[in-house]
């Protein structure tokens, strides 16, 4: 089967959309985005685009909830991911709650501020952390493929940089002096958890019988 001809991207997060479109620009697919359906006045289709509550116990479960819901609603294959940052000194927190660490409707800035507050008392050598991502492609019949990627690093308590989103201004990837937010988009994609997960998913789709 290989790559589907048309794929829905099951997220409305602008930062994720930008990154995934960039990482997957070599995929031989036509992308369907919720914002494009709305802007083209396809209201009846856009209204079917479900808002999915992330109730899964793992990144994979959450990614599948989103991808399967959109695939079923639009009757086409859908791609989604779930990701988080895991801080060793905090026992892996925020993990699955990364997007809502400071509350259900928290902004990126509020989440980042809370994480920095939590790790400020931890010595720099003990601020190890990692980004983790699981990317999936689901079909309307329930079949799916999944891939995982991670990026090891450490946290700093003085945010730096204006690129990326989320916790990037406080995350320094292993082997780097710059935060993720100080890297160029291409540099980030080459080492990021999301870049690694989606490249692996692309390989699986290309090899899918």
N, C-alpha and C. Protein backbone atom coordinates (compact mmCIF):
# COMPACT_ATOMS: atom_id res chain seq x y z
N UNK A 1 0.82 -1.21 0.00
CA UNK A 1 0.00 0.00 0.00
C UNK A 1 0.86 1.26 0.00
N UNK A 2 1.91 1.30 0.79
CA UNK A 2 2.75 2.49 0.85
C UNK A 2 2.01 3.67 1.46
N UNK A 3 2.43 4.88 1.08
CA UNK A 3 1.80 6.09 1.61
C UNK A 3 0.38 6.22 1.08
N UNK A 4 -0.56 6.62 1.95
CA UNK A 4 -1.91 6.95 1.45
C UNK A 4 -1.82 8.17 0.53
N UNK A 5 -2.77 8.28 -0.40
CA UNK A 5 -2.75 9.44 -1.29
C UNK A 5 -3.11 10.73 -0.58
N UNK A 6 -4.03 10.65 0.37
CA UNK A 6 -4.46 11.82 1.13
C UNK A 6 -4.45 11.47 2.61
N UNK A 7 -3.96 12.39 3.43
CA UNK A 7 -3.85 12.14 4.87
C UNK A 7 -4.33 13.37 5.64
N UNK A 8 -5.14 13.14 6.66
CA UNK A 8 -5.55 14.22 7.55
C UNK A 8 -4.55 14.33 8.69
N UNK A 9 -4.19 15.56 9.02
CA UNK A 9 -3.30 15.80 10.16
C UNK A 9 -4.17 16.13 11.37
N UNK A 10 -4.22 15.20 12.32
CA UNK A 10 -5.17 15.28 13.42
C UNK A 10 -4.66 16.14 14.57
N UNK A 11 -4.43 17.40 14.29
CA UNK A 11 -4.10 18.37 15.34
C UNK A 11 -4.51 19.75 14.87
N UNK A 12 -4.81 20.62 15.83
CA UNK A 12 -5.11 22.02 15.53
C UNK A 12 -4.06 22.93 16.16
N UNK A 13 -3.01 22.32 16.75
CA UNK A 13 -1.93 23.07 17.39
C UNK A 13 -1.03 23.69 16.31
N UNK A 14 -0.96 25.01 16.22
CA UNK A 14 -0.19 25.65 15.14
C UNK A 14 1.28 25.26 15.14
N UNK A 15 1.88 25.15 16.34
CA UNK A 15 3.29 24.78 16.41
C UNK A 15 3.53 23.37 15.88
N UNK A 16 2.66 22.45 16.26
CA UNK A 16 2.80 21.07 15.78
C UNK A 16 2.59 21.01 14.26
N UNK A 17 1.58 21.71 13.77
CA UNK A 17 1.30 21.69 12.33
C UNK A 17 2.52 22.16 11.56
N UNK A 18 3.11 23.27 11.99
CA UNK A 18 4.28 23.81 11.30
C UNK A 18 5.43 22.81 11.30
N UNK A 19 5.69 22.21 12.46
CA UNK A 19 6.81 21.26 12.54
C UNK A 19 6.56 20.01 11.71
N UNK A 20 5.36 19.45 11.82
CA UNK A 20 5.08 18.19 11.11
C UNK A 20 5.09 18.41 9.61
N UNK A 21 4.52 19.51 9.15
CA UNK A 21 4.55 19.81 7.72
C UNK A 21 5.98 19.96 7.22
N UNK A 22 6.83 20.52 8.04
CA UNK A 22 8.23 20.70 7.67
C UNK A 22 8.98 19.36 7.67
N UNK A 23 8.79 18.59 8.73
CA UNK A 23 9.47 17.30 8.85
C UNK A 23 9.03 16.34 7.75
N UNK A 24 7.76 16.38 7.41
CA UNK A 24 7.18 15.42 6.46
C UNK A 24 7.02 16.00 5.06
N UNK A 25 7.75 17.05 4.74
CA UNK A 25 7.56 17.70 3.44
C UNK A 25 7.91 16.78 2.27
N UNK A 26 8.68 15.74 2.53
CA UNK A 26 9.02 14.80 1.47
C UNK A 26 8.01 13.67 1.29
N UNK A 27 7.00 13.61 2.15
CA UNK A 27 6.00 12.56 2.01
C UNK A 27 5.17 12.79 0.75
N UNK A 28 4.94 11.77 -0.05
CA UNK A 28 4.16 11.92 -1.28
C UNK A 28 2.66 11.84 -1.01
N UNK A 29 2.15 12.77 -0.20
CA UNK A 29 0.74 12.77 0.18
C UNK A 29 0.16 14.17 0.02
N UNK A 30 -1.16 14.23 -0.07
CA UNK A 30 -1.89 15.49 -0.01
C UNK A 30 -2.46 15.62 1.40
N UNK A 31 -2.12 16.69 2.09
CA UNK A 31 -2.53 16.85 3.48
C UNK A 31 -3.89 17.55 3.58
N UNK A 32 -4.70 17.07 4.50
CA UNK A 32 -5.96 17.73 4.85
C UNK A 32 -5.83 18.28 6.26
N UNK A 33 -6.02 19.59 6.41
CA UNK A 33 -5.92 20.25 7.70
C UNK A 33 -7.27 20.85 8.06
N UNK A 34 -7.59 20.85 9.35
CA UNK A 34 -8.87 21.40 9.80
C UNK A 34 -9.00 22.87 9.41
N UNK A 35 -7.93 23.63 9.53
CA UNK A 35 -7.99 25.06 9.22
C UNK A 35 -8.25 25.31 7.75
N UNK A 36 -7.74 24.41 6.87
CA UNK A 36 -7.96 24.57 5.44
C UNK A 36 -9.41 24.27 5.06
N UNK A 37 -9.99 23.26 5.72
CA UNK A 37 -11.38 22.95 5.46
C UNK A 37 -12.27 24.12 5.85
N UNK A 38 -11.99 24.70 7.00
CA UNK A 38 -12.79 25.83 7.47
C UNK A 38 -12.64 27.03 6.55
N UNK A 39 -11.39 27.31 6.10
CA UNK A 39 -11.16 28.48 5.27
C UNK A 39 -11.73 28.32 3.87
N UNK A 40 -11.94 27.07 3.45
CA UNK A 40 -12.51 26.84 2.12
C UNK A 40 -14.03 26.70 2.18
N UNK A 41 -14.62 27.06 3.34
CA UNK A 41 -16.06 27.05 3.53
C UNK A 41 -16.68 25.65 3.51
N UNK A 42 -15.86 24.64 3.71
CA UNK A 42 -16.40 23.29 3.83
C UNK A 42 -16.84 23.07 5.28
N UNK A 43 -17.79 23.86 5.70
CA UNK A 43 -18.20 23.88 7.10
C UNK A 43 -18.72 22.53 7.55
N UNK A 44 -19.45 21.84 6.68
CA UNK A 44 -20.03 20.56 7.07
C UNK A 44 -18.94 19.54 7.38
N UNK A 45 -17.83 19.60 6.64
CA UNK A 45 -16.72 18.68 6.91
C UNK A 45 -15.94 19.13 8.14
N UNK A 46 -15.65 20.44 8.21
CA UNK A 46 -14.88 20.95 9.34
C UNK A 46 -15.58 20.70 10.65
N UNK A 47 -16.92 20.76 10.63
CA UNK A 47 -17.66 20.56 11.87
C UNK A 47 -17.56 19.13 12.37
N UNK A 48 -17.18 18.20 11.48
CA UNK A 48 -17.02 16.81 11.87
C UNK A 48 -15.66 16.54 12.51
N UNK A 49 -14.76 17.52 12.40
CA UNK A 49 -13.41 17.32 12.93
C UNK A 49 -13.48 17.27 14.44
N UNK A 50 -13.27 16.12 15.04
CA UNK A 50 -13.50 15.99 16.49
C UNK A 50 -12.41 16.62 17.35
N UNK A 51 -12.84 17.18 18.48
CA UNK A 51 -11.90 17.58 19.52
C UNK A 51 -11.80 16.42 20.49
N UNK A 52 -10.63 15.82 20.57
CA UNK A 52 -10.46 14.57 21.32
C UNK A 52 -9.80 14.83 22.66
N UNK A 53 -10.40 14.33 23.72
CA UNK A 53 -9.81 14.44 25.05
C UNK A 53 -8.74 13.37 25.20
N UNK A 54 -7.56 13.80 25.65
CA UNK A 54 -6.44 12.87 25.79
C UNK A 54 -6.53 12.13 27.12
N UNK A 55 -7.24 11.02 27.10
CA UNK A 55 -7.48 10.25 28.32
C UNK A 55 -6.63 8.99 28.38
N UNK A 56 -5.73 8.79 27.42
CA UNK A 56 -4.92 7.59 27.40
C UNK A 56 -3.89 7.56 28.52
N UNK A 57 -3.39 6.36 28.80
CA UNK A 57 -2.38 6.17 29.85
C UNK A 57 -0.97 6.21 29.29
N UNK A 58 -0.83 6.30 27.97
CA UNK A 58 0.48 6.35 27.32
C UNK A 58 0.42 7.35 26.16
N UNK A 59 1.59 7.73 25.66
CA UNK A 59 1.64 8.59 24.48
C UNK A 59 0.98 7.89 23.30
N UNK A 60 1.22 6.60 23.15
CA UNK A 60 0.63 5.85 22.05
C UNK A 60 -0.89 5.88 22.12
N UNK A 61 -1.43 5.64 23.30
CA UNK A 61 -2.88 5.64 23.43
C UNK A 61 -3.48 6.99 23.07
N UNK A 62 -2.85 8.06 23.52
CA UNK A 62 -3.37 9.40 23.21
C UNK A 62 -3.27 9.70 21.71
N UNK A 63 -2.15 9.34 21.10
CA UNK A 63 -1.99 9.57 19.66
C UNK A 63 -3.03 8.78 18.87
N UNK A 64 -3.28 7.55 19.28
CA UNK A 64 -4.27 6.73 18.60
C UNK A 64 -5.69 7.28 18.78
N UNK A 65 -6.00 7.79 19.96
CA UNK A 65 -7.32 8.38 20.18
C UNK A 65 -7.57 9.49 19.16
N UNK A 66 -6.58 10.34 18.95
CA UNK A 66 -6.74 11.47 18.04
C UNK A 66 -6.79 11.01 16.58
N UNK A 67 -5.85 10.17 16.21
CA UNK A 67 -5.78 9.74 14.81
C UNK A 67 -7.01 8.93 14.41
N UNK A 68 -7.44 8.01 15.27
CA UNK A 68 -8.59 7.16 14.93
C UNK A 68 -9.88 7.98 14.86
N UNK A 69 -10.03 8.95 15.75
CA UNK A 69 -11.24 9.76 15.74
C UNK A 69 -11.36 10.57 14.45
N UNK A 70 -10.25 11.17 14.02
CA UNK A 70 -10.28 11.97 12.79
C UNK A 70 -10.41 11.06 11.57
N UNK A 71 -9.72 9.91 11.56
CA UNK A 71 -9.83 8.98 10.44
C UNK A 71 -11.28 8.50 10.27
N UNK A 72 -11.94 8.21 11.36
CA UNK A 72 -13.32 7.76 11.29
C UNK A 72 -14.25 8.87 10.84
N UNK A 73 -14.04 10.09 11.38
CA UNK A 73 -14.92 11.21 11.05
C UNK A 73 -14.80 11.63 9.59
N UNK A 74 -13.57 11.64 9.06
CA UNK A 74 -13.35 12.11 7.69
C UNK A 74 -13.26 10.97 6.68
N UNK A 75 -13.23 9.74 7.18
CA UNK A 75 -13.12 8.56 6.32
C UNK A 75 -11.89 8.64 5.41
N UNK A 76 -10.78 8.95 6.04
CA UNK A 76 -9.49 8.93 5.36
C UNK A 76 -8.41 8.65 6.40
N UNK A 77 -7.23 8.18 5.98
CA UNK A 77 -6.15 7.97 6.94
C UNK A 77 -5.81 9.28 7.66
N UNK A 78 -5.45 9.18 8.92
CA UNK A 78 -5.11 10.36 9.71
C UNK A 78 -3.83 10.11 10.49
N UNK A 79 -3.03 11.17 10.61
CA UNK A 79 -1.76 11.12 11.34
C UNK A 79 -1.89 12.00 12.58
N UNK A 80 -1.36 11.52 13.70
CA UNK A 80 -1.36 12.30 14.94
C UNK A 80 -0.12 11.93 15.73
N UNK A 81 0.17 12.75 16.72
CA UNK A 81 1.24 12.38 17.64
C UNK A 81 0.84 12.80 19.05
N UNK A 82 1.53 12.23 20.02
CA UNK A 82 1.44 12.73 21.39
C UNK A 82 2.87 12.79 21.90
N UNK A 83 3.15 13.81 22.67
CA UNK A 83 4.52 14.00 23.11
C UNK A 83 4.55 14.67 24.47
N UNK A 84 5.70 14.67 25.08
CA UNK A 84 5.85 15.30 26.38
C UNK A 84 7.30 15.42 26.76
N UNK A 85 7.54 16.16 27.82
CA UNK A 85 8.88 16.28 28.37
C UNK A 85 8.90 15.58 29.72
N UNK A 86 9.92 14.79 29.96
CA UNK A 86 10.04 14.00 31.18
C UNK A 86 11.28 14.44 31.94
N UNK A 87 11.08 14.91 33.15
CA UNK A 87 12.19 15.42 33.97
C UNK A 87 12.53 14.38 35.03
N UNK A 88 13.76 13.89 35.02
CA UNK A 88 14.14 12.80 35.92
C UNK A 88 13.99 13.19 37.38
N UNK A 89 14.39 14.41 37.74
CA UNK A 89 14.32 14.83 39.14
C UNK A 89 12.89 14.95 39.64
N UNK A 90 11.94 15.02 38.72
CA UNK A 90 10.53 15.11 39.09
C UNK A 90 9.81 13.79 38.86
N UNK A 91 10.57 12.71 38.71
CA UNK A 91 9.96 11.40 38.53
C UNK A 91 9.28 11.23 37.19
N UNK A 92 9.74 11.95 36.17
CA UNK A 92 9.15 11.83 34.84
C UNK A 92 8.07 12.85 34.53
N UNK A 93 7.73 13.66 35.52
CA UNK A 93 6.74 14.73 35.33
C UNK A 93 7.37 15.83 34.48
N UNK A 94 6.58 16.53 33.63
CA UNK A 94 5.12 16.42 33.45
C UNK A 94 4.67 15.30 32.53
N UNK A 95 5.51 14.76 31.68
CA UNK A 95 5.14 13.60 30.88
C UNK A 95 3.88 13.81 30.07
N UNK A 96 2.90 12.92 30.26
CA UNK A 96 1.64 12.98 29.52
C UNK A 96 0.88 14.28 29.75
N UNK A 97 1.16 14.96 30.85
CA UNK A 97 0.45 16.20 31.17
C UNK A 97 1.20 17.44 30.70
N UNK A 98 2.19 17.27 29.84
CA UNK A 98 3.03 18.40 29.45
C UNK A 98 2.24 19.57 28.87
N UNK A 99 1.21 19.29 28.08
CA UNK A 99 0.45 20.36 27.43
C UNK A 99 -0.49 21.08 28.39
N UNK A 100 -0.73 20.47 29.53
CA UNK A 100 -1.65 21.07 30.51
C UNK A 100 -1.06 21.01 31.91
N UNK A 101 0.24 21.15 31.99
CA UNK A 101 0.96 21.03 33.26
C UNK A 101 0.47 22.07 34.27
N UNK A 102 0.25 23.28 33.81
CA UNK A 102 -0.18 24.36 34.71
C UNK A 102 -1.70 24.50 34.75
N UNK A 103 -2.42 23.57 34.15
CA UNK A 103 -3.88 23.61 34.17
C UNK A 103 -4.45 23.26 32.81
N UNK A 104 -5.74 22.92 32.75
CA UNK A 104 -6.37 22.46 31.51
C UNK A 104 -6.24 23.43 30.35
N UNK A 105 -6.27 24.73 30.63
CA UNK A 105 -6.21 25.73 29.57
C UNK A 105 -4.93 26.55 29.62
N UNK A 106 -3.88 25.96 30.18
CA UNK A 106 -2.62 26.69 30.36
C UNK A 106 -1.97 27.01 29.03
N UNK A 107 -1.30 28.15 28.98
CA UNK A 107 -0.52 28.53 27.80
C UNK A 107 0.86 27.89 27.88
N UNK A 108 1.58 27.94 26.76
CA UNK A 108 2.96 27.44 26.76
C UNK A 108 3.79 28.17 27.80
N UNK A 109 3.58 29.47 27.90
CA UNK A 109 4.36 30.29 28.85
C UNK A 109 4.07 29.88 30.29
N UNK A 110 2.82 29.61 30.60
CA UNK A 110 2.46 29.20 31.96
C UNK A 110 3.04 27.83 32.29
N UNK A 111 2.98 26.91 31.35
CA UNK A 111 3.57 25.59 31.57
C UNK A 111 5.07 25.68 31.78
N UNK A 112 5.73 26.47 30.96
CA UNK A 112 7.18 26.63 31.07
C UNK A 112 7.56 27.25 32.41
N UNK A 113 6.82 28.28 32.81
CA UNK A 113 7.10 28.96 34.07
C UNK A 113 6.99 27.99 35.25
N UNK A 114 5.96 27.15 35.25
CA UNK A 114 5.77 26.20 36.35
C UNK A 114 6.89 25.17 36.37
N UNK A 115 7.29 24.68 35.20
CA UNK A 115 8.36 23.69 35.18
C UNK A 115 9.66 24.28 35.71
N UNK A 116 9.97 25.50 35.33
CA UNK A 116 11.19 26.14 35.82
C UNK A 116 11.12 26.32 37.34
N UNK A 117 9.97 26.69 37.84
CA UNK A 117 9.81 26.82 39.30
C UNK A 117 10.09 25.49 39.99
N UNK A 118 9.62 24.40 39.40
CA UNK A 118 9.78 23.08 40.01
C UNK A 118 11.23 22.61 40.01
N UNK A 119 12.00 22.98 39.00
CA UNK A 119 13.37 22.46 38.91
C UNK A 119 14.41 23.45 39.43
N UNK A 120 13.97 24.64 39.82
CA UNK A 120 14.94 25.65 40.23
C UNK A 120 15.76 25.19 41.44
N UNK A 121 15.16 24.42 42.33
CA UNK A 121 15.87 23.96 43.52
C UNK A 121 16.78 22.76 43.23
N UNK A 122 16.69 22.22 42.03
CA UNK A 122 17.52 21.07 41.66
C UNK A 122 18.83 21.56 41.07
N UNK A 123 19.93 20.99 41.50
CA UNK A 123 21.24 21.40 40.98
C UNK A 123 21.35 21.13 39.49
N UNK A 124 22.09 21.98 38.75
CA UNK A 124 22.23 21.80 37.31
C UNK A 124 22.61 20.40 36.86
N UNK A 125 23.51 19.68 37.57
CA UNK A 125 23.86 18.34 37.12
C UNK A 125 22.69 17.35 37.16
N UNK A 126 21.67 17.68 37.95
CA UNK A 126 20.55 16.75 38.13
C UNK A 126 19.30 17.18 37.36
N UNK A 127 19.46 18.07 36.40
CA UNK A 127 18.31 18.55 35.63
C UNK A 127 18.15 17.82 34.30
N UNK A 128 18.50 16.56 34.29
CA UNK A 128 18.38 15.77 33.06
C UNK A 128 16.90 15.59 32.70
N UNK A 129 16.63 15.59 31.41
CA UNK A 129 15.26 15.46 30.93
C UNK A 129 15.29 14.93 29.51
N UNK A 130 14.12 14.57 29.01
CA UNK A 130 14.03 14.13 27.62
C UNK A 130 12.66 14.51 27.06
N UNK A 131 12.66 14.80 25.81
CA UNK A 131 11.43 14.90 25.05
C UNK A 131 11.13 13.53 24.47
N UNK A 132 9.85 13.14 24.48
CA UNK A 132 9.46 11.87 23.89
C UNK A 132 8.22 12.09 23.01
N UNK A 133 8.17 11.39 21.89
CA UNK A 133 7.06 11.54 20.96
C UNK A 133 6.69 10.19 20.37
N UNK A 134 5.40 9.94 20.24
CA UNK A 134 4.90 8.78 19.49
C UNK A 134 4.01 9.31 18.37
N UNK A 135 4.34 8.94 17.14
CA UNK A 135 3.58 9.35 15.96
C UNK A 135 2.84 8.14 15.40
N UNK A 136 1.62 8.34 14.95
CA UNK A 136 0.83 7.23 14.41
C UNK A 136 0.12 7.64 13.13
N UNK A 137 -0.16 6.66 12.31
CA UNK A 137 -1.06 6.83 11.17
C UNK A 137 -2.15 5.78 11.34
N UNK A 138 -3.41 6.22 11.34
CA UNK A 138 -4.54 5.32 11.53
C UNK A 138 -5.46 5.38 10.31
N UNK A 139 -6.02 4.25 9.96
CA UNK A 139 -6.96 4.15 8.85
C UNK A 139 -8.39 4.02 9.39
N UNK A 140 -9.39 4.37 8.59
CA UNK A 140 -10.78 4.27 9.07
C UNK A 140 -11.19 2.86 9.50
N UNK A 141 -10.51 1.84 8.96
CA UNK A 141 -10.86 0.46 9.34
C UNK A 141 -10.23 0.03 10.65
N UNK A 142 -9.46 0.94 11.30
CA UNK A 142 -8.87 0.62 12.60
C UNK A 142 -7.41 0.23 12.55
N UNK A 143 -6.89 -0.06 11.35
CA UNK A 143 -5.47 -0.42 11.24
C UNK A 143 -4.61 0.80 11.55
N UNK A 144 -3.42 0.57 12.09
CA UNK A 144 -2.54 1.70 12.36
C UNK A 144 -1.07 1.27 12.36
N UNK A 145 -0.20 2.26 12.17
CA UNK A 145 1.23 2.11 12.31
C UNK A 145 1.69 3.16 13.31
N UNK A 146 2.75 2.85 14.07
CA UNK A 146 3.24 3.81 15.06
C UNK A 146 4.75 3.78 15.12
N UNK A 147 5.32 4.90 15.55
CA UNK A 147 6.78 5.01 15.70
C UNK A 147 7.07 5.97 16.84
N UNK A 148 8.21 5.78 17.50
CA UNK A 148 8.58 6.60 18.66
C UNK A 148 9.93 7.26 18.44
N UNK A 149 10.08 8.43 19.00
CA UNK A 149 11.37 9.12 18.97
C UNK A 149 11.58 9.86 20.28
N UNK A 150 12.84 10.06 20.65
CA UNK A 150 13.14 10.79 21.88
C UNK A 150 14.38 11.64 21.68
N UNK A 151 14.54 12.63 22.55
CA UNK A 151 15.70 13.52 22.52
C UNK A 151 16.13 13.79 23.95
N UNK A 152 17.32 13.35 24.30
CA UNK A 152 17.84 13.55 25.66
C UNK A 152 18.44 14.95 25.80
N UNK A 153 18.41 15.45 27.04
CA UNK A 153 18.98 16.77 27.27
C UNK A 153 18.92 17.14 28.74
N UNK A 154 18.97 18.44 28.99
CA UNK A 154 18.90 18.95 30.36
C UNK A 154 18.16 20.28 30.34
N UNK A 155 17.70 20.68 31.51
CA UNK A 155 16.94 21.92 31.62
C UNK A 155 17.80 23.05 32.17
N UNK A 156 17.49 24.25 31.73
CA UNK A 156 18.09 25.46 32.30
C UNK A 156 16.94 26.30 32.87
N UNK A 157 17.26 27.16 33.82
CA UNK A 157 16.22 27.94 34.48
C UNK A 157 16.11 29.36 33.94
N UNK A 158 16.93 29.69 32.95
CA UNK A 158 16.83 30.97 32.25
C UNK A 158 16.48 30.69 30.80
N UNK A 159 15.21 30.82 30.43
CA UNK A 159 14.81 30.51 29.06
C UNK A 159 15.58 31.35 28.05
N UNK A 160 15.91 30.71 26.91
CA UNK A 160 16.66 31.40 25.86
C UNK A 160 16.12 30.99 24.50
N UNK A 161 16.04 31.94 23.60
CA UNK A 161 15.66 31.64 22.24
C UNK A 161 14.20 31.93 21.95
N UNK A 162 13.90 32.11 20.67
CA UNK A 162 12.54 32.46 20.26
C UNK A 162 11.95 31.46 19.27
N UNK A 163 12.69 30.41 18.98
CA UNK A 163 12.18 29.41 18.04
C UNK A 163 11.39 28.33 18.76
N UNK A 164 10.81 27.42 17.96
CA UNK A 164 10.08 26.30 18.53
C UNK A 164 8.86 26.73 19.32
N UNK A 165 8.48 25.90 20.27
CA UNK A 165 7.33 26.20 21.13
C UNK A 165 7.40 25.30 22.35
N UNK A 166 6.44 25.46 23.25
CA UNK A 166 6.41 24.61 24.43
C UNK A 166 7.58 24.88 25.37
N UNK A 167 8.29 23.83 25.73
CA UNK A 167 9.39 23.92 26.69
C UNK A 167 10.74 24.16 26.03
N UNK A 168 10.75 24.39 24.73
CA UNK A 168 12.01 24.53 23.99
C UNK A 168 12.98 25.57 24.57
N UNK A 169 12.51 26.72 25.07
CA UNK A 169 13.46 27.72 25.57
C UNK A 169 14.25 27.27 26.80
N UNK A 170 13.81 26.21 27.47
CA UNK A 170 14.51 25.74 28.67
C UNK A 170 15.17 24.38 28.48
N UNK A 171 15.11 23.83 27.27
CA UNK A 171 15.64 22.48 27.03
C UNK A 171 16.88 22.55 26.17
N UNK A 172 17.99 22.04 26.71
CA UNK A 172 19.26 22.00 25.98
C UNK A 172 19.53 20.55 25.58
N UNK A 173 19.49 20.25 24.29
CA UNK A 173 19.73 18.86 23.85
C UNK A 173 21.15 18.41 24.17
N UNK A 174 21.31 17.14 24.40
CA UNK A 174 22.64 16.58 24.68
C UNK A 174 23.60 16.93 23.55
N UNK A 175 24.82 17.35 23.93
CA UNK A 175 25.82 17.72 22.95
C UNK A 175 25.71 19.15 22.46
N UNK A 176 24.72 19.89 22.98
CA UNK A 176 24.50 21.28 22.57
C UNK A 176 24.70 22.23 23.73
N UNK A 177 25.05 23.46 23.43
CA UNK A 177 25.06 24.52 24.43
C UNK A 177 23.82 25.40 24.29
N UNK A 178 23.23 25.36 23.11
CA UNK A 178 22.04 26.15 22.85
C UNK A 178 20.78 25.41 23.27
N UNK A 179 19.75 26.17 23.63
CA UNK A 179 18.46 25.55 23.90
C UNK A 179 17.82 25.16 22.57
N UNK A 180 16.78 24.34 22.66
CA UNK A 180 16.07 23.94 21.45
C UNK A 180 15.49 25.16 20.74
N UNK A 181 15.13 26.18 21.50
CA UNK A 181 14.55 27.39 20.93
C UNK A 181 15.59 28.27 20.25
N UNK A 182 16.88 27.99 20.46
CA UNK A 182 17.94 28.75 19.81
C UNK A 182 18.45 28.08 18.54
N UNK A 183 18.00 26.86 18.29
CA UNK A 183 18.40 26.15 17.09
C UNK A 183 17.57 26.62 15.90
N UNK A 184 18.13 26.47 14.71
CA UNK A 184 17.32 26.72 13.51
C UNK A 184 16.29 25.60 13.38
N UNK A 185 15.28 25.84 12.57
CA UNK A 185 14.25 24.82 12.38
C UNK A 185 14.86 23.52 11.87
N UNK A 186 15.80 23.61 10.95
CA UNK A 186 16.43 22.42 10.38
C UNK A 186 17.26 21.69 11.42
N UNK A 187 17.98 22.45 12.25
CA UNK A 187 18.78 21.82 13.31
C UNK A 187 17.88 21.11 14.32
N UNK A 188 16.80 21.75 14.68
CA UNK A 188 15.87 21.13 15.63
C UNK A 188 15.27 19.86 15.06
N UNK A 189 14.78 19.92 13.83
CA UNK A 189 14.14 18.76 13.23
C UNK A 189 15.08 17.56 13.14
N UNK A 190 16.37 17.82 12.95
CA UNK A 190 17.34 16.74 12.79
C UNK A 190 17.50 15.91 14.05
N UNK A 191 17.28 16.53 15.22
CA UNK A 191 17.55 15.82 16.48
C UNK A 191 16.31 15.68 17.36
N UNK A 192 15.23 16.34 17.02
CA UNK A 192 14.08 16.38 17.93
C UNK A 192 13.35 15.05 18.01
N UNK A 193 12.64 14.88 19.10
CA UNK A 193 11.80 13.70 19.30
C UNK A 193 10.76 13.58 18.19
N UNK A 194 10.17 14.70 17.80
CA UNK A 194 9.13 14.68 16.76
C UNK A 194 9.74 14.36 15.39
N UNK A 195 10.89 14.95 15.11
CA UNK A 195 11.56 14.64 13.85
C UNK A 195 11.89 13.16 13.74
N UNK A 196 12.43 12.60 14.80
CA UNK A 196 12.81 11.18 14.78
C UNK A 196 11.58 10.28 14.66
N UNK A 197 10.51 10.61 15.37
CA UNK A 197 9.31 9.77 15.33
C UNK A 197 8.67 9.79 13.94
N UNK A 198 8.55 10.98 13.34
CA UNK A 198 7.88 11.06 12.05
C UNK A 198 8.73 10.52 10.91
N UNK A 199 10.05 10.66 11.01
CA UNK A 199 10.89 10.04 9.97
C UNK A 199 10.76 8.53 10.03
N UNK A 200 10.72 7.99 11.24
CA UNK A 200 10.54 6.55 11.39
C UNK A 200 9.16 6.13 10.88
N UNK A 201 8.14 6.92 11.18
CA UNK A 201 6.79 6.59 10.69
C UNK A 201 6.77 6.62 9.16
N UNK A 202 7.45 7.61 8.57
CA UNK A 202 7.54 7.66 7.12
C UNK A 202 8.19 6.44 6.55
N UNK A 203 9.23 5.93 7.19
CA UNK A 203 9.90 4.72 6.73
C UNK A 203 8.94 3.52 6.79
N UNK A 204 8.15 3.45 7.86
CA UNK A 204 7.19 2.35 8.00
C UNK A 204 6.11 2.43 6.94
N UNK A 205 5.64 3.63 6.65
CA UNK A 205 4.61 3.79 5.62
C UNK A 205 5.15 3.42 4.25
N UNK A 206 6.38 3.84 3.98
CA UNK A 206 6.97 3.52 2.67
C UNK A 206 7.14 2.02 2.48
N UNK A 207 7.39 1.30 3.59
CA UNK A 207 7.61 -0.14 3.51
C UNK A 207 6.34 -0.94 3.73
N UNK A 208 5.22 -0.25 4.01
CA UNK A 208 3.97 -0.96 4.33
C UNK A 208 3.49 -1.75 3.12
N UNK A 209 3.27 -3.05 3.27
CA UNK A 209 2.87 -3.88 2.13
C UNK A 209 1.44 -3.58 1.66
